[in-house]
Amino acid sequence: MTQVRAASPDDAGEIVRLRALMHHSMGSDGIAEQEWRDAAARMLRRELAEPEPRIMVFVVDAGDAALAACATGTIQQRLPAPGNPSGLVGYVSNVCTDVPYRRRGHARACMLALMDWFAGRGVDRLDLRASAEAEPMYTALGFTRTTDPSMRMRLTTGTARR
């Protein structure tokens, strides 16, 4: 049986390593850049040290201070709306299993712990973006495709568009 635990600030470096592995598998550019890695590790160390963190990571140990898998969740407070009167939304990201540990149920175990964490905080809506490879696991956990169109824009620092 997979043993899952809540991450500690000391796990930040390994969580960032797994995050880079996830981004690499999706073909992302810039995964070797130290700037984002340092910023992510600082944020994780700070957030995971909080008594009531806004970000939670559940992990599976691989031994020798290495992690086999992780799943990250963030609670976002949005305006209440029909179908979400609390306005709380959980966002799942950074679900990754290191290559030698795949197909053992580690990601699923981390996800179940994360879903319990969200539920214990009154979050009843979870969002995520799934790779084609991971979609069957999320579907089996109860996630469904939405009809909401997703759009994105990158702002240049200090520049507003009119």
C-alpha atoms as a PDB file:
ATOM      1  CA  MET A   1       0.000   0.000   0.000  1.00  0.00           C
ATOM      2  CA  THR A   2       1.246   3.466  -0.909  1.00  0.00           C
ATOM      3  CA  GLN A   3       2.144   5.638   2.068  1.00  0.00           C
ATOM      4  CA  VAL A   4       1.186   9.281   1.490  1.00  0.00           C
ATOM      5  CA  ARG A   5       2.134  12.169   3.735  1.00  0.00           C
ATOM      6  CA  ALA A   6       1.771  15.936   3.753  1.00  0.00           C
ATOM      7  CA  ALA A   7       4.892  17.608   2.440  1.00  0.00           C
ATOM      8  CA  SER A   8       7.101  19.652   4.748  1.00  0.00           C
ATOM      9  CA  PRO A   9       9.168  22.732   3.887  1.00  0.00           C
ATOM     10  CA  ASP A  10      12.186  20.388   3.640  1.00  0.00           C
ATOM     11  CA  ASP A  11      10.569  18.694   0.617  1.00  0.00           C
ATOM     12  CA  ALA A  12      10.550  21.882  -1.474  1.00  0.00           C
ATOM     13  CA  GLY A  13      13.601  20.985  -3.579  1.00  0.00           C
ATOM     14  CA  GLU A  14      12.263  17.540  -4.451  1.00  0.00           C
ATOM     15  CA  ILE A  15       8.808  18.900  -5.273  1.00  0.00           C
ATOM     16  CA  VAL A  16      10.431  21.398  -7.649  1.00  0.00           C
ATOM     17  CA  ARG A  17      12.463  18.567  -9.206  1.00  0.00           C
ATOM     18  CA  LEU A  18       9.253  16.613  -9.859  1.00  0.00           C
ATOM     19  CA  ARG A  19       7.606  19.788 -11.202  1.00  0.00           C
ATOM     20  CA  ALA A  20      10.455  20.178 -13.703  1.00  0.00           C
ATOM     21  CA  LEU A  21      10.035  16.521 -14.709  1.00  0.00           C
ATOM     22  CA  MET A  22       6.322  17.131 -15.295  1.00  0.00           C
ATOM     23  CA  HIS A  23       7.003  20.222 -17.408  1.00  0.00           C
ATOM     24  CA  HIS A  24       9.670  18.346 -19.381  1.00  0.00           C
ATOM     25  CA  SER A  25       7.218  15.547 -20.175  1.00  0.00           C
ATOM     26  CA  MET A  26       4.797  18.152 -21.544  1.00  0.00           C
ATOM     27  CA  GLY A  27       7.471  19.704 -23.776  1.00  0.00           C
ATOM     28  CA  SER A  28       7.768  22.989 -21.858  1.00  0.00           C
ATOM     29  CA  ASP A  29      10.611  25.379 -22.538  1.00  0.00           C
ATOM     30  CA  GLY A  30      12.799  26.813 -19.802  1.00  0.00           C
ATOM     31  CA  ILE A  31      12.668  23.876 -17.417  1.00  0.00           C
ATOM     32  CA  ALA A  32      16.387  24.210 -16.671  1.00  0.00           C
ATOM     33  CA  GLU A  33      16.149  27.899 -15.723  1.00  0.00           C
ATOM     34  CA  GLN A  34      17.147  28.341 -12.108  1.00  0.00           C
ATOM     35  CA  GLU A  35      15.060  31.482 -11.528  1.00  0.00           C
ATOM     36  CA  TRP A  36      11.669  29.725 -11.560  1.00  0.00           C
ATOM     37  CA  ARG A  37      13.031  26.786  -9.581  1.00  0.00           C
ATOM     38  CA  ASP A  38      14.366  29.050  -6.820  1.00  0.00           C
ATOM     39  CA  ALA A  39      11.117  31.044  -6.705  1.00  0.00           C
ATOM     40  CA  ALA A  40       9.021  27.865  -6.527  1.00  0.00           C
ATOM     41  CA  ALA A  41      11.182  26.398  -3.742  1.00  0.00           C
ATOM     42  CA  ARG A  42      10.972  29.645  -1.724  1.00  0.00           C
ATOM     43  CA  MET A  43       7.189  29.744  -2.093  1.00  0.00           C
ATOM     44  CA  LEU A  44       6.804  26.104  -1.108  1.00  0.00           C
ATOM     45  CA  ARG A  45       9.043  26.454   1.954  1.00  0.00           C
ATOM     46  CA  ARG A  46       7.057  29.524   3.076  1.00  0.00           C
ATOM     47  CA  GLU A  47       3.574  28.106   2.386  1.00  0.00           C
ATOM     48  CA  LEU A  48       4.224  24.614   3.768  1.00  0.00           C
ATOM     49  CA  ALA A  49       5.454  26.173   7.040  1.00  0.00           C
ATOM     50  CA  GLU A  50       2.113  27.955   7.598  1.00  0.00           C
ATOM     51  CA  PRO A  51      -0.298  26.460  10.157  1.00  0.00           C
ATOM     52  CA  GLU A  52      -3.156  26.787   7.605  1.00  0.00           C
ATOM     53  CA  PRO A  53      -1.407  26.773   4.225  1.00  0.00           C
ATOM     54  CA  ARG A  54      -3.136  27.934   1.031  1.00  0.00           C
ATOM     55  CA  ILE A  55      -0.990  25.457  -0.854  1.00  0.00           C
ATOM     56  CA  MET A  56      -0.756  21.803   0.152  1.00  0.00           C
ATOM     57  CA  VAL A  57       1.355  19.076  -1.355  1.00  0.00           C
ATOM     58  CA  PHE A  58       0.959  15.379  -0.677  1.00  0.00           C
ATOM     59  CA  VAL A  59       3.946  13.181  -1.438  1.00  0.00           C
ATOM     60  CA  VAL A  60       5.151   9.595  -1.575  1.00  0.00           C
ATOM     61  CA  ASP A  61       8.709   8.985  -0.426  1.00  0.00           C
ATOM     62  CA  ALA A  62      11.167   7.123  -2.636  1.00  0.00           C
ATOM     63  CA  GLY A  63      13.869   6.845   0.033  1.00  0.00           C
ATOM     64  CA  ASP A  64      17.130   8.719   0.653  1.00  0.00           C
ATOM     65  CA  ALA A  65      15.191  12.041   0.933  1.00  0.00           C
ATOM     66  CA  ALA A  66      13.903  11.647  -2.637  1.00  0.00           C
ATOM     67  CA  LEU A  67      10.238  11.762  -3.574  1.00  0.00           C
ATOM     68  CA  ALA A  68       8.518   9.276  -5.857  1.00  0.00           C
ATOM     69  CA  ALA A  69       5.357  11.310  -6.455  1.00  0.00           C
ATOM     70  CA  CYS A  70       3.460  14.440  -5.507  1.00  0.00           C
ATOM     71  CA  ALA A  71       0.191  16.300  -6.017  1.00  0.00           C
ATOM     72  CA  THR A  72      -0.271  19.988  -5.254  1.00  0.00           C
ATOM     73  CA  GLY A  73      -3.441  21.830  -4.390  1.00  0.00           C
ATOM     74  CA  THR A  74      -4.219  25.517  -4.000  1.00  0.00           C
ATOM     75  CA  ILE A  75      -7.358  26.990  -2.470  1.00  0.00           C
ATOM     76  CA  GLN A  76      -8.596  30.079  -4.266  1.00  0.00           C
ATOM     77  CA  GLN A  77     -11.225  32.426  -2.865  1.00  0.00           C
ATOM     78  CA  ARG A  78     -13.438  33.702  -5.651  1.00  0.00           C
ATOM     79  CA  LEU A  79     -16.687  35.610  -5.554  1.00  0.00           C
ATOM     80  CA  PRO A  80     -19.592  33.335  -4.637  1.00  0.00           C
ATOM     81  CA  ALA A  81     -21.652  32.287  -7.638  1.00  0.00           C
ATOM     82  CA  PRO A  82     -24.544  29.996  -8.529  1.00  0.00           C
ATOM     83  CA  GLY A  83     -23.338  26.472  -7.964  1.00  0.00           C
ATOM     84  CA  ASN A  84     -20.520  27.698  -5.682  1.00  0.00           C
ATOM     85  CA  PRO A  85     -22.015  29.810  -2.875  1.00  0.00           C
ATOM     86  CA  SER A  86     -18.795  29.728  -0.807  1.00  0.00           C
ATOM     87  CA  GLY A  87     -16.665  30.944  -3.704  1.00  0.00           C
ATOM     88  CA  LEU A  88     -13.972  28.443  -2.726  1.00  0.00           C
ATOM     89  CA  VAL A  89     -12.276  26.647  -5.604  1.00  0.00           C
ATOM     90  CA  GLY A  90      -9.525  24.081  -5.359  1.00  0.00           C
ATOM     91  CA  TYR A  91      -6.959  23.977  -8.113  1.00  0.00           C
ATOM     92  CA  VAL A  92      -4.942  20.794  -8.611  1.00  0.00           C
ATOM     93  CA  SER A  93      -1.532  21.033 -10.236  1.00  0.00           C
ATOM     94  CA  ASN A  94       1.885  19.470 -10.243  1.00  0.00           C
ATOM     95  CA  VAL A  95       0.696  15.872 -10.132  1.00  0.00           C
ATOM     96  CA  CYS A  96       3.810  13.926 -11.047  1.00  0.00           C
ATOM     97  CA  THR A  97       5.402  10.548 -10.474  1.00  0.00           C
ATOM     98  CA  ASP A  98       9.098  10.006 -11.127  1.00  0.00           C
ATOM     99  CA  VAL A  99       9.666   7.573 -14.002  1.00  0.00           C
ATOM    100  CA  PRO A 100      10.927   4.546 -12.002  1.00  0.00           C
ATOM    101  CA  TYR A 101       7.866   4.703  -9.698  1.00  0.00           C
ATOM    102  CA  ARG A 102       5.071   5.007 -12.265  1.00  0.00           C
ATOM    103  CA  ARG A 103       2.079   2.650 -12.572  1.00  0.00           C
ATOM    104  CA  ARG A 104       2.065   1.844  -8.829  1.00  0.00           C
ATOM    105  CA  GLY A 105      -0.875   4.045  -7.768  1.00  0.00           C
ATOM    106  CA  HIS A 106       1.250   6.796  -6.206  1.00  0.00           C
ATOM    107  CA  ALA A 107      -0.359   9.695  -8.100  1.00  0.00           C
ATOM    108  CA  ARG A 108      -3.824   8.351  -7.337  1.00  0.00           C
ATOM    109  CA  ALA A 109      -2.983   8.026  -3.628  1.00  0.00           C
ATOM    110  CA  CYS A 110      -1.652  11.605  -3.555  1.00  0.00           C
ATOM    111  CA  MET A 111      -4.794  12.808  -5.340  1.00  0.00           C
ATOM    112  CA  LEU A 112      -7.102  11.058  -2.862  1.00  0.00           C
ATOM    113  CA  ALA A 113      -5.256  12.684   0.055  1.00  0.00           C
ATOM    114  CA  LEU A 114      -5.452  16.058  -1.685  1.00  0.00           C
ATOM    115  CA  MET A 115      -9.182  15.641  -2.351  1.00  0.00           C
ATOM    116  CA  ASP A 116      -9.726  14.863   1.358  1.00  0.00           C
ATOM    117  CA  TRP A 117      -7.705  17.961   2.287  1.00  0.00           C
ATOM    118  CA  PHE A 118      -9.877  20.150   0.049  1.00  0.00           C
ATOM    119  CA  ALA A 119     -13.112  18.615   1.375  1.00  0.00           C
ATOM    120  CA  GLY A 120     -11.963  19.197   4.962  1.00  0.00           C
ATOM    121  CA  ARG A 121     -11.653  22.898   4.182  1.00  0.00           C
ATOM    122  CA  GLY A 122     -15.102  23.274   2.653  1.00  0.00           C
ATOM    123  CA  VAL A 123     -13.935  23.236  -0.964  1.00  0.00           C
ATOM    124  CA  ASP A 124     -16.421  21.374  -3.129  1.00  0.00           C
ATOM    125  CA  ARG A 125     -15.261  22.418  -6.608  1.00  0.00           C
ATOM    126  CA  LEU A 126     -11.930  21.252  -7.987  1.00  0.00           C
ATOM    127  CA  ASP A 127     -10.359  22.341 -11.252  1.00  0.00           C
ATOM    128  CA  LEU A 128      -7.337  20.951 -13.070  1.00  0.00           C
ATOM    129  CA  ARG A 129      -5.786  20.603 -16.473  1.00  0.00           C
ATOM    130  CA  ALA A 130      -5.084  17.039 -17.487  1.00  0.00           C
ATOM    131  CA  SER A 131      -2.578  15.609 -19.894  1.00  0.00           C
ATOM    132  CA  ALA A 132      -3.941  12.934 -22.225  1.00  0.00           C
ATOM    133  CA  GLU A 133      -1.883  10.354 -20.304  1.00  0.00           C
ATOM    134  CA  ALA A 134      -3.376  11.330 -16.927  1.00  0.00           C
ATOM    135  CA  GLU A 135      -6.979  11.921 -18.019  1.00  0.00           C
ATOM    136  CA  PRO A 136      -8.128   8.305 -17.349  1.00  0.00           C
ATOM    137  CA  MET A 137      -6.998   8.562 -13.712  1.00  0.00           C
ATOM    138  CA  TYR A 138      -8.838  11.853 -13.222  1.00  0.00           C
ATOM    139  CA  THR A 139     -11.960  10.486 -14.916  1.00  0.00           C
ATOM    140  CA  ALA A 140     -11.867   7.451 -12.606  1.00  0.00           C
ATOM    141  CA  LEU A 141     -11.673   9.851  -9.634  1.00  0.00           C
ATOM    142  CA  GLY A 142     -14.826  11.661 -10.829  1.00  0.00           C
ATOM    143  CA  PHE A 143     -13.457  14.609 -12.821  1.00  0.00           C
ATOM    144  CA  THR A 144     -15.286  15.516 -16.033  1.00  0.00           C
ATOM    145  CA  ARG A 145     -14.534  17.769 -18.980  1.00  0.00           C
ATOM    146  CA  THR A 146     -16.125  21.211 -18.723  1.00  0.00           C
ATOM    147  CA  THR A 147     -17.667  23.372 -21.387  1.00  0.00           C
ATOM    148  CA  ASP A 148     -15.973  26.516 -20.082  1.00  0.00           C
ATOM    149  CA  PRO A 149     -13.592  27.907 -22.661  1.00  0.00           C
ATOM    150  CA  SER A 150     -10.161  28.557 -21.267  1.00  0.00           C
ATOM    151  CA  MET A 151      -8.282  31.639 -22.402  1.00  0.00           C
ATOM    152  CA  ARG A 152      -4.951  33.137 -21.352  1.00  0.00           C
ATOM    153  CA  MET A 153      -3.083  36.407 -21.697  1.00  0.00           C
ATOM    154  CA  ARG A 154       0.387  37.395 -20.552  1.00  0.00           C
ATOM    155  CA  LEU A 155       0.822  40.946 -19.320  1.00  0.00           C
ATOM    156  CA  THR A 156       4.141  42.688 -19.487  1.00  0.00           C
ATOM    157  CA  THR A 157       5.149  43.964 -16.047  1.00  0.00           C
ATOM    158  CA  GLY A 158       4.045  47.554 -15.590  1.00  0.00           C
ATOM    159  CA  THR A 159       2.066  47.634 -18.822  1.00  0.00           C
ATOM    160  CA  ALA A 160      -1.710  47.851 -19.042  1.00  0.00           C
ATOM    161  CA  ARG A 161      -3.561  47.300 -22.279  1.00  0.00           C
ATOM    162  CA  ARG A 162      -6.436  49.436 -23.395  1.00  0.00           C
END
